[in-house]
C-alpha atoms as a PDB file:
ATOM      1  CA  MET A   1     107.350  48.721   9.123  1.00  0.00           C
ATOM      2  CA  THR A   2     105.040  49.815  11.838  1.00  0.00           C
ATOM      3  CA  LYS A   3     102.437  52.508  11.492  1.00  0.00           C
ATOM      4  CA  PHE A   4     104.522  54.698  13.778  1.00  0.00           C
ATOM      5  CA  LEU A   5     107.491  54.648  11.390  1.00  0.00           C
ATOM      6  CA  ASN A   6     105.240  55.173   8.378  1.00  0.00           C
ATOM      7  CA  LYS A   7     103.861  58.285  10.050  1.00  0.00           C
ATOM      8  CA  TRP A   8     107.356  59.614  10.687  1.00  0.00           C
ATOM      9  CA  PHE A   9     108.475  58.901   7.117  1.00  0.00           C
ATOM     10  CA  ARG A  10     105.556  60.995   5.886  1.00  0.00           C
ATOM     11  CA  GLN A  11     106.351  63.818   8.321  1.00  0.00           C
ATOM     12  CA  ILE A  12     110.040  63.816   7.403  1.00  0.00           C
ATOM     13  CA  HIS A  13     109.177  63.847   3.709  1.00  0.00           C
ATOM     14  CA  ARG A  14     106.829  66.799   4.173  1.00  0.00           C
ATOM     15  CA  TRP A  15     109.237  68.814   6.303  1.00  0.00           C
ATOM     16  CA  ILE A  16     112.139  68.235   3.923  1.00  0.00           C
ATOM     17  CA  ALA A  17     109.997  69.340   0.989  1.00  0.00           C
ATOM     18  CA  ILE A  18     109.496  72.837   2.418  1.00  0.00           C
ATOM     19  CA  PRO A  19     113.155  73.936   2.651  1.00  0.00           C
ATOM     20  CA  THR A  20     113.940  72.162  -0.613  1.00  0.00           C
ATOM     21  CA  ALA A  21     111.201  74.053  -2.400  1.00  0.00           C
ATOM     22  CA  LEU A  22     112.571  77.303  -0.979  1.00  0.00           C
ATOM     23  CA  LEU A  23     116.282  76.661  -1.510  1.00  0.00           C
ATOM     24  CA  ILE A  24     116.130  75.726  -5.183  1.00  0.00           C
ATOM     25  CA  PRO A  25     114.658  79.071  -6.372  1.00  0.00           C
ATOM     26  CA  ILE A  26     116.952  80.937  -3.956  1.00  0.00           C
ATOM     27  CA  ALA A  27     119.965  79.198  -5.484  1.00  0.00           C
ATOM     28  CA  LEU A  28     118.788  80.136  -8.964  1.00  0.00           C
ATOM     29  CA  ILE A  29     118.279  83.782  -8.000  1.00  0.00           C
ATOM     30  CA  ILE A  30     121.693  83.967  -6.321  1.00  0.00           C
ATOM     31  CA  LYS A  31     123.383  82.579  -9.417  1.00  0.00           C
ATOM     32  CA  LEU A  32     121.472  84.943 -11.714  1.00  0.00           C
ATOM     33  CA  ILE A  33     122.289  88.032  -9.647  1.00  0.00           C
ATOM     34  CA  GLY A  34     125.968  87.182  -9.757  1.00  0.00           C
ATOM     35  CA  ASN A  35     127.155  89.319  -6.833  1.00  0.00           C
ATOM     36  CA  PRO A  36     130.585  87.792  -6.075  1.00  0.00           C
ATOM     37  CA  GLU A  37     130.228  88.080  -2.288  1.00  0.00           C
ATOM     38  CA  VAL A  38     126.814  86.405  -2.238  1.00  0.00           C
ATOM     39  CA  VAL A  39     127.915  83.717  -4.688  1.00  0.00           C
ATOM     40  CA  ALA A  40     131.004  82.994  -2.560  1.00  0.00           C
ATOM     41  CA  PHE A  41     128.803  82.670   0.541  1.00  0.00           C
ATOM     42  CA  TRP A  42     126.320  80.433  -1.287  1.00  0.00           C
ATOM     43  CA  GLU A  43     129.037  78.080  -2.534  1.00  0.00           C
ATOM     44  CA  LYS A  44     129.527  76.949   1.071  1.00  0.00           C
ATOM     45  CA  TRP A  45     125.847  75.933   1.227  1.00  0.00           C
ATOM     46  CA  ASP A  46     125.416  74.881  -2.402  1.00  0.00           C
ATOM     47  CA  LYS A  47     125.232  71.150  -1.658  1.00  0.00           C
ATOM     48  CA  LEU A  48     122.347  71.494   0.816  1.00  0.00           C
ATOM     49  CA  PRO A  49     119.529  71.402  -1.786  1.00  0.00           C
ATOM     50  CA  SER A  50     121.105  68.302  -3.353  1.00  0.00           C
ATOM     51  CA  ILE A  51     121.276  66.517  -0.003  1.00  0.00           C
ATOM     52  CA  LEU A  52     117.670  67.426   0.763  1.00  0.00           C
ATOM     53  CA  MET A  53     116.588  66.167  -2.665  1.00  0.00           C
ATOM     54  CA  LEU A  54     118.370  62.873  -1.963  1.00  0.00           C
ATOM     55  CA  PHE A  55     116.443  62.443   1.301  1.00  0.00           C
ATOM     56  CA  MET A  56     113.219  63.355  -0.489  1.00  0.00           C
ATOM     57  CA  ALA A  57     113.915  60.745  -3.157  1.00  0.00           C
ATOM     58  CA  ILE A  58     114.584  58.043  -0.557  1.00  0.00           C
ATOM     59  CA  THR A  59     111.518  58.805   1.564  1.00  0.00           C
ATOM     60  CA  GLY A  60     109.392  59.364  -1.536  1.00  0.00           C
ATOM     61  CA  ALA A  61     110.380  56.009  -2.990  1.00  0.00           C
ATOM     62  CA  TYR A  62     109.465  54.295   0.268  1.00  0.00           C
ATOM     63  CA  LEU A  63     106.110  56.084   0.433  1.00  0.00           C
ATOM     64  CA  TYR A  64     105.446  55.213  -3.205  1.00  0.00           C
ATOM     65  CA  LEU A  65     106.170  51.527  -2.635  1.00  0.00           C
ATOM     66  CA  LEU A  66     104.405  51.306   0.737  1.00  0.00           C
ATOM     67  CA  PRO A  67     100.953  50.284  -0.597  1.00  0.00           C
ATOM     68  CA  TYR A  68     102.530  47.469  -2.615  1.00  0.00           C
ATOM     69  CA  ILE A  69     104.548  46.281   0.368  1.00  0.00           C
ATOM     70  CA  VAL A  70     101.461  46.227   2.592  1.00  0.00           C
ATOM     71  CA  LYS A  71      99.419  44.465  -0.088  1.00  0.00           C
ATOM     72  CA  ASN A  72     102.092  41.777  -0.408  1.00  0.00           C
ATOM     73  CA  GLN A  73     102.239  41.318   3.383  1.00  0.00           C
ATOM     74  CA  ARG A  74      98.454  40.924   3.568  1.00  0.00           C
ATOM     75  CA  LYS A  75      98.529  38.406   0.759  1.00  0.00           C
ATOM     76  CA  GLN A  76     101.195  36.356   2.523  1.00  0.00           C
ATOM     77  CA  LYS A  77      99.226  36.450   5.807  1.00  0.00           C
ATOM     78  CA  SER A  78      96.058  35.212   4.135  1.00  0.00           C
ATOM     79  CA  MET A  79      97.902  32.314   2.491  1.00  0.00           C
ATOM     80  CA  GLN A  80      99.204  30.975   5.830  1.00  0.00           C
ATOM     81  CA  PRO A  81      96.970  28.338   7.436  1.00  0.00           C
END
């Protein structure tokens, strides 16, 4: 991928990490408090941290593999006459 897309993958990963890091402890606190009204409200939004974690896993896997991908591309370029 181009450098432009790599930059955006990093930005997306960073910006998804912030709400994910906030929502997971909030979910735990809501479930520990046990107020039925708050728990009922949270159950509508309960899947949001899971979805954000999925996006973080996808972008994180790409960012983890990126150096190996680039190294392989450079190796293939140098082998061409």
